[in-house]
Amino acid sequence: MILRPYDKSMLFMGILTTRGFPASLETKLTELYGPIVLRSEPFPFSFTDYYNSEMGEGIERFFIAFSSLVSPDTLQDIKTMTDSIEMEYSEDGKRKINLDPGILTESNIVLATTKNRSHRIAIGRNLYAEVTLIYQNHGYKALPWTYADYRSNEVQRILLGFRNEYLHLRKLT
């Protein structure tokens, strides 16, 4: 059997926040993962009230993507680190910033999570991954478990822009 290396993926993060994007957090993330190549505008996160009891009212969502492509098998390390960073920005044990790392490939979007469900695969360190969106017919296709915000036209438009940048970066490497 001949093992081939994984194709590199684009690391991106969905960020939920009631505190904006502190310069110290941006610095920390770029030191860890390289320059941020794309950043969406923040928009109100009104898809669910799941995070309100922890984060408070007025949650905003935005996305960032990094120019340094990563091996998809690093997702567990990245998720472990982002969970640790979230605690650094917590107040009274409650997160005020939620970092949701994912990887983007030519064909799909994969998110990491701490919660096990029937459609998720263990990736180590008590973490799981799920294919959240599939690229098909020039757009993203949601799956039965896809989060409401990832189903939205706004988020899919952002992620299609990230995908275009990813394809450009892949040509450069």
Protein backbone atom coordinates (compact mmCIF):
# COMPACT_ATOMS: atom_id res chain seq x y z
CA MET A 1 0.00 0.00 0.00
CA ILE A 2 1.30 3.44 -0.92
CA LEU A 3 0.24 6.20 1.45
CA ARG A 4 -0.07 9.64 -0.06
CA PRO A 5 0.00 12.84 1.96
CA TYR A 6 -3.28 14.62 2.57
CA ASP A 7 -4.19 17.52 0.34
CA LYS A 8 -3.79 20.76 2.27
CA SER A 9 -6.97 22.45 3.51
CA MET A 10 -7.89 26.01 4.35
CA LEU A 11 -8.26 26.64 8.06
CA PHE A 12 -11.14 28.94 8.87
CA MET A 13 -13.01 29.88 12.02
CA GLY A 14 -16.55 30.86 12.72
CA ILE A 15 -16.44 33.28 15.62
CA LEU A 16 -19.30 34.12 17.97
CA THR A 17 -18.69 37.12 20.18
CA THR A 18 -20.20 39.76 22.38
CA ARG A 19 -16.78 41.45 22.67
CA GLY A 20 -15.80 42.07 19.07
CA PHE A 21 -12.44 40.79 17.86
CA PRO A 22 -9.83 41.90 20.39
CA ALA A 23 -6.44 42.78 18.89
CA SER A 24 -4.80 40.40 21.35
CA LEU A 25 -6.92 37.52 20.03
CA GLU A 26 -6.13 38.36 16.42
CA THR A 27 -2.43 38.47 17.27
CA LYS A 28 -2.60 35.12 19.05
CA LEU A 29 -4.42 33.45 16.16
CA THR A 30 -2.04 34.81 13.52
CA GLU A 31 0.96 33.72 15.57
CA LEU A 32 -0.49 30.21 15.73
CA TYR A 33 -1.98 29.82 12.26
CA GLY A 34 -0.51 32.48 10.01
CA PRO A 35 -1.97 35.59 8.41
CA ILE A 36 -5.70 36.07 8.17
CA VAL A 37 -6.40 36.31 4.45
CA LEU A 38 -10.17 36.89 4.59
CA ARG A 39 -12.55 38.24 7.19
CA SER A 40 -16.29 38.64 6.88
CA GLU A 41 -18.25 41.51 8.30
CA PRO A 42 -19.95 40.68 11.60
CA PHE A 43 -23.68 40.05 11.54
CA PRO A 44 -26.25 39.35 14.28
CA PHE A 45 -26.35 35.72 15.33
CA SER A 46 -30.08 35.11 15.46
CA PHE A 47 -30.20 31.49 14.33
CA THR A 48 -30.56 30.07 17.85
CA ASP A 49 -30.58 31.27 21.45
CA TYR A 50 -28.40 28.32 22.52
CA TYR A 51 -25.46 30.57 23.49
CA ASN A 52 -27.41 33.42 25.14
CA SER A 53 -27.29 32.06 28.69
CA GLU A 54 -23.51 31.81 28.51
CA MET A 55 -22.55 34.73 26.28
CA GLY A 56 -25.40 37.16 26.87
CA GLU A 57 -27.47 39.12 24.38
CA GLY A 58 -26.19 40.77 21.22
CA ILE A 59 -24.07 37.90 19.90
CA GLU A 60 -22.44 38.53 16.55
CA ARG A 61 -21.00 36.02 14.09
CA PHE A 62 -18.17 36.51 11.65
CA PHE A 63 -15.69 34.29 9.85
CA ILE A 64 -11.96 34.43 9.27
CA ALA A 65 -9.74 32.35 6.98
CA PHE A 66 -5.99 31.86 7.14
CA SER A 67 -3.59 31.96 4.21
CA SER A 68 -1.41 29.13 5.56
CA LEU A 69 -2.92 25.87 4.37
CA VAL A 70 -3.01 22.98 6.86
CA SER A 71 -3.13 19.22 6.82
CA PRO A 72 -6.67 18.10 7.70
CA ASP A 73 -5.32 15.78 10.38
CA THR A 74 -4.33 18.83 12.47
CA LEU A 75 -7.97 19.73 13.15
CA GLN A 76 -7.94 18.07 16.59
CA ASP A 77 -4.86 20.06 17.65
CA ILE A 78 -6.46 23.28 16.40
CA LYS A 79 -9.75 22.59 18.19
CA THR A 80 -7.90 21.80 21.43
CA MET A 81 -6.01 25.09 21.17
CA THR A 82 -9.09 27.18 20.33
CA ASP A 83 -10.97 25.70 23.30
CA SER A 84 -8.07 26.78 25.51
CA ILE A 85 -8.06 30.27 24.01
CA GLU A 86 -11.80 30.61 24.63
CA MET A 87 -11.16 30.10 28.34
CA GLU A 88 -8.58 32.89 28.32
CA TYR A 89 -11.31 35.29 27.17
CA SER A 90 -14.03 33.97 29.45
CA GLU A 91 -15.54 35.96 32.31
CA ASP A 92 -16.73 34.27 35.49
CA GLY A 93 -16.33 30.91 33.77
CA LYS A 94 -18.55 31.90 30.84
CA ARG A 95 -17.29 32.22 27.28
CA LYS A 96 -17.62 35.61 25.67
CA ILE A 97 -15.87 34.47 22.50
CA ASN A 98 -16.56 31.15 20.80
CA LEU A 99 -14.02 29.93 18.23
CA ASP A 100 -15.31 27.22 15.89
CA PRO A 101 -12.46 25.95 13.71
CA GLY A 102 -13.11 24.13 10.50
CA ILE A 103 -11.33 23.07 7.37
CA LEU A 104 -12.39 23.87 3.86
CA THR A 105 -11.46 21.68 0.91
CA GLU A 106 -12.42 21.74 -2.73
CA SER A 107 -15.34 19.43 -1.98
CA ASN A 108 -16.54 20.10 1.57
CA ILE A 109 -16.54 21.98 4.86
CA VAL A 110 -15.63 20.01 8.00
CA LEU A 111 -16.18 21.32 11.53
CA ALA A 112 -14.68 20.10 14.80
CA THR A 113 -16.80 19.70 17.93
CA THR A 114 -16.74 18.29 21.44
CA LYS A 115 -20.21 16.77 21.08
CA ASN A 116 -20.71 13.24 19.76
CA ARG A 117 -23.68 12.56 17.49
CA SER A 118 -24.53 9.72 15.11
CA HIS A 119 -23.04 11.46 12.07
CA ARG A 120 -19.74 12.52 13.67
CA ILE A 121 -16.38 10.76 13.55
CA ALA A 122 -13.95 10.62 16.48
CA ILE A 123 -10.71 12.46 15.66
CA GLY A 124 -8.92 12.01 18.99
CA ARG A 125 -8.74 13.83 22.33
CA ASN A 126 -12.49 13.33 22.83
CA LEU A 127 -13.19 15.46 19.76
CA TYR A 128 -15.32 14.78 16.71
CA ALA A 129 -15.57 16.04 13.15
CA GLU A 130 -18.50 16.32 10.80
CA VAL A 131 -18.92 17.14 7.16
CA THR A 132 -21.20 20.17 7.45
CA LEU A 133 -21.51 21.25 3.81
CA ILE A 134 -20.73 19.56 0.52
CA TYR A 135 -19.71 21.54 -2.57
CA GLN A 136 -21.90 20.48 -5.47
CA ASN A 137 -23.13 22.16 -8.68
CA HIS A 138 -21.31 25.46 -8.00
CA GLY A 139 -22.63 25.85 -4.48
CA TYR A 140 -22.84 24.32 -1.03
CA LYS A 141 -25.38 21.65 -0.18
CA ALA A 142 -26.58 21.40 3.40
CA LEU A 143 -26.98 18.04 5.09
CA PRO A 144 -29.73 17.05 7.55
CA TRP A 145 -27.51 18.03 10.52
CA THR A 146 -26.08 21.25 9.09
CA TYR A 147 -26.37 24.12 11.56
CA ALA A 148 -28.96 26.78 10.66
CA ASP A 149 -26.38 29.52 10.14
CA TYR A 150 -24.37 27.32 7.74
CA ARG A 151 -27.60 26.74 5.79
CA SER A 152 -28.09 30.49 5.34
CA ASN A 153 -27.34 32.23 2.05
CA GLU A 154 -25.17 34.78 3.88
CA VAL A 155 -22.83 32.20 5.43
CA GLN A 156 -22.69 30.14 2.25
CA ARG A 157 -21.78 33.27 0.26
CA ILE A 158 -18.91 33.94 2.71
CA LEU A 159 -17.71 30.34 2.51
CA LEU A 160 -17.85 30.35 -1.30
CA GLY A 161 -15.55 33.38 -1.20
CA PHE A 162 -13.24 31.47 1.13
CA ARG A 163 -13.33 28.51 -1.26
CA ASN A 164 -12.30 30.72 -4.19
CA GLU A 165 -9.36 32.03 -2.16
CA TYR A 166 -8.45 28.48 -1.13
CA LEU A 167 -8.34 27.37 -4.79
CA HIS A 168 -6.10 30.37 -5.55
CA LEU A 169 -3.76 29.58 -2.63
CA ARG A 170 -3.54 25.93 -3.66
CA LYS A 171 -2.28 26.96 -7.09
CA LEU A 172 0.51 28.93 -5.40
CA THR A 173 1.78 25.95 -3.39
